[in-house]
Amino acid sequence: MSKYFNLTPECYLIIGGNRSAVYNLDTGAIVALNEEQTRAMTLAETKTPIEDDAAVYEYLAGKGWGFYSSSPVFVDKARPLNVFGERRIWQQQMQFITAVLQVTNQCNRRCPDCGKTFCPACVTTSHEGKQNELTVEQWQSVIDDLAEAGCKSVMFTGGESLLYGGLPELIERVRSTGMEAVVQTNGEVTPKGVPEDVAISVLVSQGSDLELILKNLQGRDKVSIIAQDVDVQSISSRFPEEWNIRKTCSAEPIKGKLHMSSAELDDFFNRKLKDPCLNGKMYILSDGSVVPCLQGRSKVLGNILTDDFSRVFKKLTVDYWYAEIDHRLAEKRCGSCEFRYGCSVCRFSDVEDSCFYDPK
C-alpha cells in the first residue's frame, strides 16, 4: 500500500538554493534541512508516494509537525485569510503609521559617522544649511496631506529638528489634525516652544553630553532614550525612572541561520507579503524628497513640491510597503535563501558583508 507524508497545517516547507527549512507558524520554530532531507520533503509535498520512512519524516512526525496517510490528502494551510479571504480581513486594510519629516539639515553636532550609521534616526543629507529647506507654510501643507491620507503620527527629525525655527508651529498643526507629534533630537538643544506633553526621542551616542541633555529636558516625562553604541546600564541610573531607554547599534547586525527572528503566523506572512520595517511609514527629506526610509534615502520616489502627493504615496505603498519578499530581495542572495521568511534583513543592506550564511 502506498504511503504519503504530510506536513501539518501550521508547517511550511520553504525551499532555498539547495537546501530548505520547515517553519512552524504556531511556535515560530524553524528546522533546517540538508540536501537529502530537502529531496525527501519535496517528494512528500508534491504528494508523491514515499518508499520508506526517511529519517526526516520520522523526525518531523515525532515533533508533531507531520503525519502519514494511506492516500493523498489536502492540507488546508494556516494563513491569515482562508481561500475565500474571510478571516482576519481587517489585516488587509492599510495602516499609515507614521511620517518622518526631516525638517532641517542643520545640526549643532558634527558626528563623524553621520550618514554612515545603520538605520539612522537622524541624518544630515547635505552641507547646504538652510538652502532648499521647506518653509513653514510648505510643511503645513504637507502635514494636511498626511492627515488626509490617514497618517497616525508625525516625527520631526533632522539634522537637529530643534534648530528649525518654525517647529512649534508645525507641532501645533500636527496636533490640530488629531495626529500625534514626536520630536527626534540629540538633546543638546533647548526644546523652546515644544509643549511638555509632546513625546521626545533622544539619540544618545558615545559623544553625547548627558548633563546637558538632563538640563534641557528636565521636568519632561514623555522622553525616550535611544542609546546608540552605549552601555545602557552605565547611563540608565542618570536618567529619570519614567524615561524609556532602549539600546541600538550603529553597525548593521550580522545575519545568519543562528540569528533568526520569530516565524510565527503573523510574522511569517508579514515578511512574505510586505516589508514589515517600511510598511506604514513615509520619510520626507528637508528638500521635499520622499524616500522609503533614511537608510534608503538614495531611493527618491518623488518630491512633494513638484509631484502629486497621491501618486508618490501610491508608489511608496506599492514598491515598498506591499512588495512581496521574493520580489524585493530577488536581486540579493536572500532571494534564494530558505530562511528568508524568518530573517529581518534590511532590503537596503549589503548582505555580502552582513550575512555569513551561504544559501547555495
Protein backbone atom coordinates (compact mmCIF):
# COMPACT_ATOMS: atom_id res chain seq x y z
CA MET A 1 0.00 0.00 0.00
CA SER A 2 1.31 3.43 -0.91
CA LYS A 3 2.11 5.74 1.93
CA TYR A 4 2.32 9.52 1.96
CA PHE A 5 3.82 12.03 4.34
CA ASN A 6 2.22 15.41 5.02
CA LEU A 7 3.18 18.48 6.98
CA THR A 8 0.57 19.73 9.44
CA PRO A 9 -1.39 22.91 8.56
CA GLU A 10 0.85 25.21 10.58
CA CYS A 11 4.08 23.90 9.00
CA TYR A 12 5.51 25.24 5.73
CA LEU A 13 8.38 23.87 3.65
CA ILE A 14 10.48 26.74 2.24
CA ILE A 15 12.99 25.67 -0.40
CA GLY A 16 16.23 27.57 -0.93
CA GLY A 17 19.05 27.19 -3.42
CA ASN A 18 19.97 23.62 -2.48
CA ARG A 19 18.60 23.21 1.00
CA SER A 20 15.34 24.02 2.71
CA ALA A 21 13.71 24.74 6.06
CA VAL A 22 10.43 23.83 7.73
CA TYR A 23 8.68 26.70 9.52
CA ASN A 24 6.22 26.04 12.33
CA LEU A 25 3.95 29.10 12.31
CA ASP A 26 2.35 28.08 15.60
CA THR A 27 5.54 28.09 17.67
CA GLY A 28 7.79 30.21 15.44
CA ALA A 29 10.44 27.48 15.36
CA ILE A 30 12.44 26.66 12.21
CA VAL A 31 14.13 23.36 11.33
CA ALA A 32 16.94 23.41 8.75
CA LEU A 33 17.13 20.54 6.24
CA ASN A 34 20.14 19.37 4.23
CA GLU A 35 20.10 18.44 0.53
CA GLU A 36 18.99 14.83 1.07
CA GLN A 37 16.26 15.83 3.51
CA THR A 38 15.12 18.54 1.09
CA ARG A 39 14.70 16.00 -1.70
CA ALA A 40 12.67 13.76 0.59
CA MET A 41 10.39 16.58 1.72
CA THR A 42 9.96 17.90 -1.83
CA LEU A 43 8.65 14.48 -2.85
CA ALA A 44 6.29 14.44 0.12
CA GLU A 45 4.98 17.95 -0.57
CA THR A 46 4.22 17.06 -4.21
CA LYS A 47 2.03 14.16 -3.00
CA THR A 48 4.45 11.55 -4.29
CA PRO A 49 4.23 8.16 -2.53
CA ILE A 50 7.21 7.60 -0.23
CA GLU A 51 9.05 4.31 -0.47
CA ASP A 52 10.47 4.21 3.05
CA ASP A 53 10.35 6.06 6.31
CA ALA A 54 13.18 8.53 5.79
CA ALA A 55 14.70 9.88 8.98
CA VAL A 56 13.36 13.35 8.26
CA TYR A 57 9.80 12.02 8.13
CA GLU A 58 10.22 10.22 11.41
CA TYR A 59 11.77 13.28 12.99
CA LEU A 60 9.02 15.68 11.89
CA ALA A 61 6.28 13.19 12.79
CA GLY A 62 7.83 12.78 16.23
CA LYS A 63 7.76 16.56 16.74
CA GLY A 64 4.10 16.62 15.73
CA TRP A 65 4.94 18.63 12.61
CA GLY A 66 3.80 15.96 10.14
CA PHE A 67 1.81 12.78 9.72
CA TYR A 68 1.48 9.75 7.44
CA SER A 69 -1.55 8.89 5.33
CA SER A 70 -2.50 5.95 3.10
CA SER A 71 -3.68 8.26 0.31
CA PRO A 72 -3.06 11.86 -0.79
CA VAL A 73 -4.82 14.36 1.46
CA PHE A 74 -5.49 18.08 1.12
CA VAL A 75 -3.97 20.03 4.00
CA ASP A 76 -5.54 23.46 4.45
CA LYS A 77 -2.51 25.52 5.43
CA ALA A 78 -2.64 28.03 8.27
CA ARG A 79 -2.69 31.61 6.97
CA PRO A 80 -4.18 34.97 7.92
CA LEU A 81 -7.01 34.51 5.38
CA ASN A 82 -8.80 31.40 4.18
CA VAL A 83 -9.23 30.64 0.47
CA PHE A 84 -12.27 32.95 0.43
CA GLY A 85 -10.48 35.78 2.22
CA GLU A 86 -12.93 35.55 5.10
CA ARG A 87 -10.72 35.51 8.20
CA ARG A 88 -8.76 38.41 9.68
CA ILE A 89 -9.75 40.56 6.75
CA TRP A 90 -9.02 43.65 8.85
CA GLN A 91 -5.32 42.93 8.40
CA GLN A 92 -5.64 43.82 4.71
CA GLN A 93 -6.57 47.40 5.50
CA MET A 94 -3.78 49.89 5.00
CA GLN A 95 -2.32 51.39 8.15
CA PHE A 96 -0.38 54.65 7.68
CA ILE A 97 1.53 54.53 10.96
CA THR A 98 3.93 57.44 10.84
CA ALA A 99 5.58 60.07 8.69
CA VAL A 100 9.13 61.17 9.47
CA LEU A 101 9.85 64.74 8.40
CA GLN A 102 13.48 65.77 8.19
CA VAL A 103 12.68 69.45 8.66
CA THR A 104 16.27 70.64 8.54
CA ASN A 105 19.79 69.70 7.53
CA GLN A 106 21.24 71.96 10.21
CA CYS A 107 22.85 70.32 13.22
CA ASN A 108 24.79 71.55 16.22
CA ARG A 109 26.93 68.43 16.23
CA ARG A 110 29.43 67.03 13.75
CA CYS A 111 29.19 63.29 14.34
CA PRO A 112 31.97 61.52 12.39
CA ASP A 113 29.63 58.68 11.43
CA CYS A 114 26.67 60.89 10.36
CA GLY A 115 25.04 59.38 7.30
CA LYS A 116 27.08 56.21 7.63
CA THR A 117 25.33 54.53 10.55
CA PHE A 118 22.87 51.71 10.05
CA CYS A 119 19.18 52.68 10.28
CA PRO A 120 19.79 56.30 11.37
CA ALA A 121 17.31 58.25 13.49
CA CYS A 122 18.60 61.49 12.02
CA VAL A 123 20.97 62.41 9.22
CA THR A 124 22.46 65.45 7.56
CA THR A 125 21.88 64.75 3.88
CA SER A 126 23.88 67.73 2.60
CA HIS A 127 26.03 70.60 3.86
CA GLU A 128 23.95 73.38 2.37
CA GLY A 129 22.45 74.54 5.67
CA LYS A 130 19.06 76.14 5.18
CA GLN A 131 19.29 76.07 1.40
CA ASN A 132 16.39 74.20 -0.25
CA GLU A 133 14.63 73.66 3.08
CA LEU A 134 10.85 73.77 3.01
CA THR A 135 9.18 76.78 4.57
CA VAL A 136 6.75 76.51 7.47
CA GLU A 137 3.84 77.04 5.08
CA GLN A 138 5.06 74.26 2.77
CA TRP A 139 5.46 71.85 5.67
CA GLN A 140 1.99 72.75 6.92
CA SER A 141 0.58 71.83 3.51
CA VAL A 142 2.44 68.50 3.69
CA ILE A 143 1.03 67.86 7.17
CA ASP A 144 -2.50 68.44 5.85
CA ASP A 145 -1.85 65.90 3.07
CA LEU A 146 -0.56 63.37 5.60
CA ALA A 147 -3.64 63.78 7.77
CA GLU A 148 -5.93 63.34 4.77
CA ALA A 149 -4.05 60.13 3.87
CA GLY A 150 -4.82 58.71 7.33
CA CYS A 151 -1.42 59.12 8.97
CA LYS A 152 -1.46 58.46 12.72
CA SER A 153 1.69 60.26 13.88
CA VAL A 154 4.42 62.61 12.67
CA MET A 155 8.02 62.55 13.85
CA PHE A 156 10.21 65.60 13.31
CA THR A 157 13.89 64.92 12.81
CA GLY A 158 16.94 66.49 11.20
CA GLY A 159 19.81 67.28 11.33
CA GLU A 160 18.75 68.66 14.64
CA SER A 161 15.00 69.26 14.47
CA LEU A 162 15.03 71.84 17.28
CA LEU A 163 17.14 74.17 15.11
CA TYR A 164 14.20 74.60 12.73
CA GLY A 165 12.65 77.91 13.74
CA GLY A 166 9.09 77.03 12.80
CA LEU A 167 8.98 73.70 14.64
CA PRO A 168 6.46 74.83 17.31
CA GLU A 169 4.06 75.91 14.55
CA LEU A 170 4.41 72.56 12.81
CA ILE A 171 3.79 70.67 16.04
CA GLU A 172 0.65 72.73 16.58
CA ARG A 173 -0.52 71.96 13.04
CA VAL A 174 0.05 68.22 13.53
CA ARG A 175 -1.89 68.13 16.79
CA SER A 176 -4.74 70.18 15.33
CA THR A 177 -5.34 67.40 12.79
CA GLY A 178 -5.55 64.71 15.50
CA MET A 179 -2.17 63.19 14.70
CA GLU A 180 0.45 62.59 17.38
CA ALA A 181 3.64 64.68 17.27
CA VAL A 182 7.06 63.31 18.22
CA VAL A 183 10.34 65.23 18.21
CA GLN A 184 13.65 63.48 17.48
CA THR A 185 16.65 65.36 18.92
CA ASN A 186 20.17 64.88 20.21
CA GLY A 187 19.02 66.54 23.44
CA GLU A 188 21.71 69.20 23.37
CA VAL A 189 19.40 71.99 22.18
CA THR A 190 16.75 73.53 24.44
CA PRO A 191 13.25 72.49 23.21
CA LYS A 192 11.83 76.03 23.23
CA GLY A 193 8.20 76.19 22.21
CA VAL A 194 7.72 72.40 22.38
CA PRO A 195 4.79 71.59 24.73
CA GLU A 196 5.79 69.41 27.67
CA ASP A 197 3.25 66.74 26.76
CA VAL A 198 4.83 66.19 23.33
CA ALA A 199 6.89 62.99 23.15
CA ILE A 200 10.62 63.49 22.65
CA SER A 201 13.04 60.86 21.35
CA VAL A 202 16.71 61.45 22.15
CA LEU A 203 19.61 59.81 20.35
CA VAL A 204 22.41 59.31 22.88
CA SER A 205 25.78 58.29 21.44
CA GLN A 206 29.27 57.96 22.82
CA GLY A 207 29.90 61.67 22.31
CA SER A 208 26.65 62.91 23.85
CA ASP A 209 26.68 65.38 26.72
CA LEU A 210 24.46 63.66 29.29
CA GLU A 211 24.46 66.58 31.70
CA LEU A 212 23.27 68.97 29.00
CA ILE A 213 20.56 66.51 27.94
CA LEU A 214 19.30 66.24 31.52
CA LYS A 215 19.32 70.03 31.90
CA ASN A 216 17.45 70.67 28.64
CA LEU A 217 14.79 68.02 29.23
CA GLN A 218 14.34 68.50 32.95
CA GLY A 219 10.74 68.05 34.08
CA ARG A 220 9.61 66.20 30.95
CA ASP A 221 8.07 62.75 31.36
CA LYS A 222 7.49 61.64 27.77
CA VAL A 223 11.13 61.05 26.85
CA SER A 224 12.58 58.01 25.10
CA ILE A 225 16.34 57.50 25.05
CA ILE A 226 17.90 55.67 22.11
CA ALA A 227 21.29 54.52 23.39
CA GLN A 228 23.46 54.04 20.31
CA ASP A 229 26.67 52.11 20.94
CA VAL A 230 26.35 52.96 24.63
CA ASP A 231 26.13 50.62 27.61
CA VAL A 232 22.55 51.10 28.81
CA GLN A 233 23.39 50.14 32.40
CA SER A 234 26.06 52.81 32.59
CA ILE A 235 23.61 55.62 31.78
CA SER A 236 20.21 54.38 32.97
CA SER A 237 20.79 55.45 36.59
CA ARG A 238 21.42 59.03 35.46
CA PHE A 239 18.04 59.44 33.80
CA PRO A 240 14.62 59.74 35.48
CA GLU A 241 12.84 56.41 36.04
CA GLU A 242 9.88 57.42 33.86
CA TRP A 243 12.10 57.81 30.79
CA ASN A 244 12.20 54.84 28.43
CA ILE A 245 15.62 53.59 27.36
CA ARG A 246 16.36 51.20 24.53
CA LYS A 247 19.62 50.07 23.02
CA THR A 248 20.62 50.28 19.38
CA CYS A 249 23.79 49.84 17.35
CA SER A 250 25.12 51.97 14.51
CA ALA A 251 26.62 48.94 12.76
CA GLU A 252 24.44 46.65 10.69
CA PRO A 253 23.62 43.45 12.62
CA ILE A 254 25.28 40.28 11.42
CA LYS A 255 22.83 37.78 9.94
CA GLY A 256 22.93 34.02 9.80
CA LYS A 257 20.74 30.99 10.44
CA LEU A 258 21.53 31.17 14.16
CA HIS A 259 20.13 34.71 14.34
CA MET A 260 16.61 34.15 13.03
CA SER A 261 13.67 36.21 14.24
CA SER A 262 10.30 34.72 15.16
CA ALA A 263 8.47 32.90 12.37
CA GLU A 264 5.02 32.69 13.89
CA LEU A 265 1.93 33.06 11.68
CA ASP A 266 1.67 36.86 11.50
CA ASP A 267 5.45 37.37 11.43
CA PHE A 268 5.83 34.87 8.59
CA PHE A 269 3.16 36.44 6.41
CA ASN A 270 4.19 39.99 7.28
CA ARG A 271 7.66 39.25 5.90
CA LYS A 272 6.31 37.28 2.96
CA LEU A 273 3.69 39.75 1.73
CA LYS A 274 5.12 43.14 2.74
CA ASP A 275 8.13 44.85 4.22
CA PRO A 276 7.41 44.96 7.99
CA CYS A 277 10.16 47.52 8.58
CA LEU A 278 8.96 50.04 5.98
CA ASN A 279 5.26 49.23 5.97
CA GLY A 280 3.12 52.16 7.09
CA LYS A 281 5.97 54.69 7.11
CA MET A 282 6.88 57.66 4.93
CA TYR A 283 10.04 59.74 5.10
CA ILE A 284 10.31 63.24 3.64
CA LEU A 285 13.69 64.98 3.43
CA SER A 286 14.23 68.68 4.05
CA ASP A 287 14.10 69.50 0.33
CA GLY A 288 10.76 67.69 -0.10
CA SER A 289 12.15 64.42 -1.47
CA VAL A 290 10.10 61.37 -0.49
CA VAL A 291 12.15 58.26 0.36
CA PRO A 292 11.22 54.86 1.87
CA CYS A 293 13.47 55.45 4.92
CA LEU A 294 16.60 57.34 5.93
CA GLN A 295 18.65 54.19 5.33
CA GLY A 296 17.34 54.09 1.76
CA ARG A 297 17.42 57.83 1.14
CA SER A 298 19.04 57.39 -2.27
CA LYS A 299 15.79 55.78 -3.50
CA VAL A 300 13.88 59.01 -4.20
CA LEU A 301 10.24 58.36 -5.13
CA GLY A 302 9.33 61.94 -5.93
CA ASN A 303 9.15 65.39 -4.40
CA ILE A 304 6.12 66.81 -2.60
CA LEU A 305 6.86 70.26 -4.06
CA THR A 306 6.71 69.19 -7.69
CA ASP A 307 4.84 65.85 -7.77
CA ASP A 308 1.27 64.92 -6.97
CA PHE A 309 1.15 63.65 -3.37
CA SER A 310 -1.28 60.82 -4.12
CA ARG A 311 0.92 59.44 -6.91
CA VAL A 312 4.05 59.50 -4.78
CA PHE A 313 2.13 57.91 -1.91
CA LYS A 314 0.85 55.12 -4.17
CA LYS A 315 4.36 54.41 -5.48
CA LEU A 316 5.61 54.18 -1.88
CA THR A 317 2.91 51.68 -0.88
CA VAL A 318 3.25 49.52 -4.00
CA ASP A 319 7.04 49.46 -4.29
CA TYR A 320 7.96 49.41 -0.61
CA TRP A 321 5.08 48.71 1.75
CA TYR A 322 3.47 45.77 -0.02
CA ALA A 323 6.26 44.36 -2.16
CA GLU A 324 6.46 40.59 -1.59
CA ILE A 325 9.76 39.36 -0.21
CA ASP A 326 10.55 37.24 -3.29
CA HIS A 327 10.31 40.43 -5.36
CA ARG A 328 12.10 42.88 -3.10
CA LEU A 329 15.02 40.55 -2.39
CA ALA A 330 15.22 38.97 -5.84
CA GLU A 331 18.49 40.71 -6.70
CA LYS A 332 20.13 39.66 -3.43
CA ARG A 333 21.24 36.18 -2.46
CA CYS A 334 18.46 36.38 0.16
CA GLY A 335 16.01 35.62 -2.64
CA SER A 336 17.22 32.01 -2.78
CA CYS A 337 17.70 31.52 0.96
CA GLU A 338 15.42 29.08 2.79
CA PHE A 339 15.47 31.35 5.85
CA ARG A 340 14.17 34.44 4.03
CA TYR A 341 10.80 34.38 5.85
CA GLY A 342 12.41 34.16 9.26
CA CYS A 343 15.08 36.83 8.81
CA SER A 344 14.63 40.57 9.35
CA VAL A 345 17.33 41.62 6.88
CA CYS A 346 17.13 45.26 5.70
CA ARG A 347 16.40 45.46 1.98
CA PHE A 348 19.00 48.23 1.65
CA SER A 349 21.76 46.28 3.38
CA ASP A 350 24.80 44.73 1.76
CA VAL A 351 24.22 41.09 2.61
CA GLU A 352 27.66 40.15 1.36
CA ASP A 353 29.06 41.98 4.38
CA SER A 354 26.26 41.45 6.90
CA CYS A 355 25.36 37.76 6.41
CA PHE A 356 27.67 34.81 6.88
CA TYR A 357 25.21 32.16 5.70
CA ASP A 358 25.55 30.96 2.12
CA PRO A 359 22.18 29.70 0.79
CA LYS A 360 23.92 27.95 -2.09
